[in-house]
Amino acid sequence: MNYDLTQCIAPKSRDHLYVEQVASRVKKAMTKIDNDANLSDDERKVLVRSLRKLEHMEQYIFNTLHMKKIYGDVFVKQFLSSLELNKA
């Protein structure tokens, strides 16, 4: 489902990151990932799988602390960087 989060009050925690234009960011990220020779096949696979879950979203609130617990710091940095977000 694609809920409209524009009227939502995002958590003030530094561990939460509200992002707009997610679908267009994902589209750009997929191109960057395909062309990134520094990524291993496994890294690319996990990034693509995670991004595809968001390809129809316009806004999203990421819980970066939770992401780091599940995927680790390196993945979260790669993931947010691929979406052109500088928080990790």
Protein backbone atom coordinates (compact mmCIF):
# COMPACT_ATOMS: atom_id res chain seq x y z
CA MET A 1 0.00 0.00 0.00
CA ASN A 2 1.09 3.53 -0.64
CA TYR A 3 -0.05 5.80 2.18
CA ASP A 4 0.28 9.58 1.99
CA LEU A 5 2.75 10.52 4.71
CA THR A 6 2.88 14.23 3.88
CA GLN A 7 0.50 15.06 6.75
CA CYS A 8 2.23 12.67 9.15
CA ILE A 9 4.41 14.05 11.90
CA ALA A 10 7.65 12.17 11.47
CA PRO A 11 9.44 10.93 14.60
CA LYS A 12 12.00 13.40 15.88
CA SER A 13 14.47 10.64 16.66
CA ARG A 14 17.71 10.83 14.72
CA ASP A 15 17.20 7.13 14.01
CA HIS A 16 14.22 7.89 11.77
CA LEU A 17 14.55 9.35 8.32
CA TYR A 18 11.55 10.68 6.38
CA VAL A 19 12.14 10.54 2.62
CA GLU A 20 10.06 11.90 -0.25
CA GLN A 21 10.18 10.91 -3.94
CA VAL A 22 11.17 7.38 -3.01
CA ALA A 23 10.03 5.82 -6.31
CA SER A 24 12.19 8.14 -8.41
CA ARG A 25 15.14 7.66 -6.02
CA VAL A 26 14.78 3.88 -6.33
CA LYS A 27 14.77 4.10 -10.12
CA LYS A 28 18.01 6.12 -10.09
CA ALA A 29 19.52 3.81 -7.47
CA MET A 30 18.87 0.72 -9.60
CA THR A 31 20.85 2.27 -12.46
CA LYS A 32 23.71 3.23 -10.14
CA ILE A 33 23.82 -0.25 -8.62
CA ASP A 34 23.92 -1.92 -12.04
CA ASN A 35 26.94 0.21 -12.97
CA ASP A 36 28.81 -0.06 -9.64
CA ALA A 37 31.80 -2.35 -10.17
CA ASN A 38 32.71 -2.08 -6.46
CA LEU A 39 29.67 -4.09 -5.33
CA SER A 40 29.88 -7.84 -4.99
CA ASP A 41 27.10 -9.94 -6.50
CA ASP A 42 25.74 -10.61 -3.00
CA GLU A 43 25.75 -6.91 -2.06
CA ARG A 44 24.03 -6.01 -5.32
CA LYS A 45 21.42 -8.73 -4.82
CA VAL A 46 20.50 -7.57 -1.30
CA LEU A 47 20.41 -3.90 -2.31
CA VAL A 48 18.19 -4.58 -5.32
CA ARG A 49 15.85 -6.77 -3.29
CA SER A 50 15.53 -4.10 -0.60
CA LEU A 51 14.98 -1.31 -3.11
CA ARG A 52 12.35 -3.20 -5.11
CA LYS A 53 10.14 -3.28 -2.03
CA LEU A 54 10.03 0.53 -2.21
CA GLU A 55 9.71 1.12 -5.95
CA HIS A 56 6.04 2.14 -5.75
CA MET A 57 6.33 4.35 -2.66
CA GLU A 58 6.30 8.13 -2.80
CA GLN A 59 7.27 8.67 0.84
CA TYR A 60 8.78 6.43 3.46
CA ILE A 61 10.08 6.66 7.01
CA PHE A 62 13.22 4.61 7.52
CA ASN A 63 14.18 3.42 10.99
CA THR A 64 17.94 3.43 10.47
CA LEU A 65 18.70 1.93 13.89
CA HIS A 66 16.50 -1.07 13.13
CA MET A 67 18.04 -1.39 9.65
CA LYS A 68 21.54 -1.43 11.16
CA LYS A 69 20.56 -4.17 13.63
CA ILE A 70 19.28 -6.34 10.77
CA TYR A 71 21.67 -5.56 7.92
CA GLY A 72 24.70 -3.91 9.54
CA ASP A 73 26.29 -0.49 9.17
CA VAL A 74 27.94 -1.14 5.81
CA PHE A 75 24.70 -2.17 4.12
CA VAL A 76 22.77 0.79 5.55
CA LYS A 77 25.42 3.22 4.28
CA GLN A 78 25.30 1.61 0.82
CA PHE A 79 21.51 1.57 0.81
CA LEU A 80 21.05 5.20 1.86
CA SER A 81 23.84 6.31 -0.45
CA SER A 82 22.16 4.55 -3.37
CA LEU A 83 19.02 6.59 -2.60
CA GLU A 84 21.18 9.74 -2.47
CA LEU A 85 20.63 10.18 1.25
CA ASN A 86 23.57 11.18 3.42
CA LYS A 87 22.38 9.85 6.78
CA ALA A 88 23.83 6.60 8.06
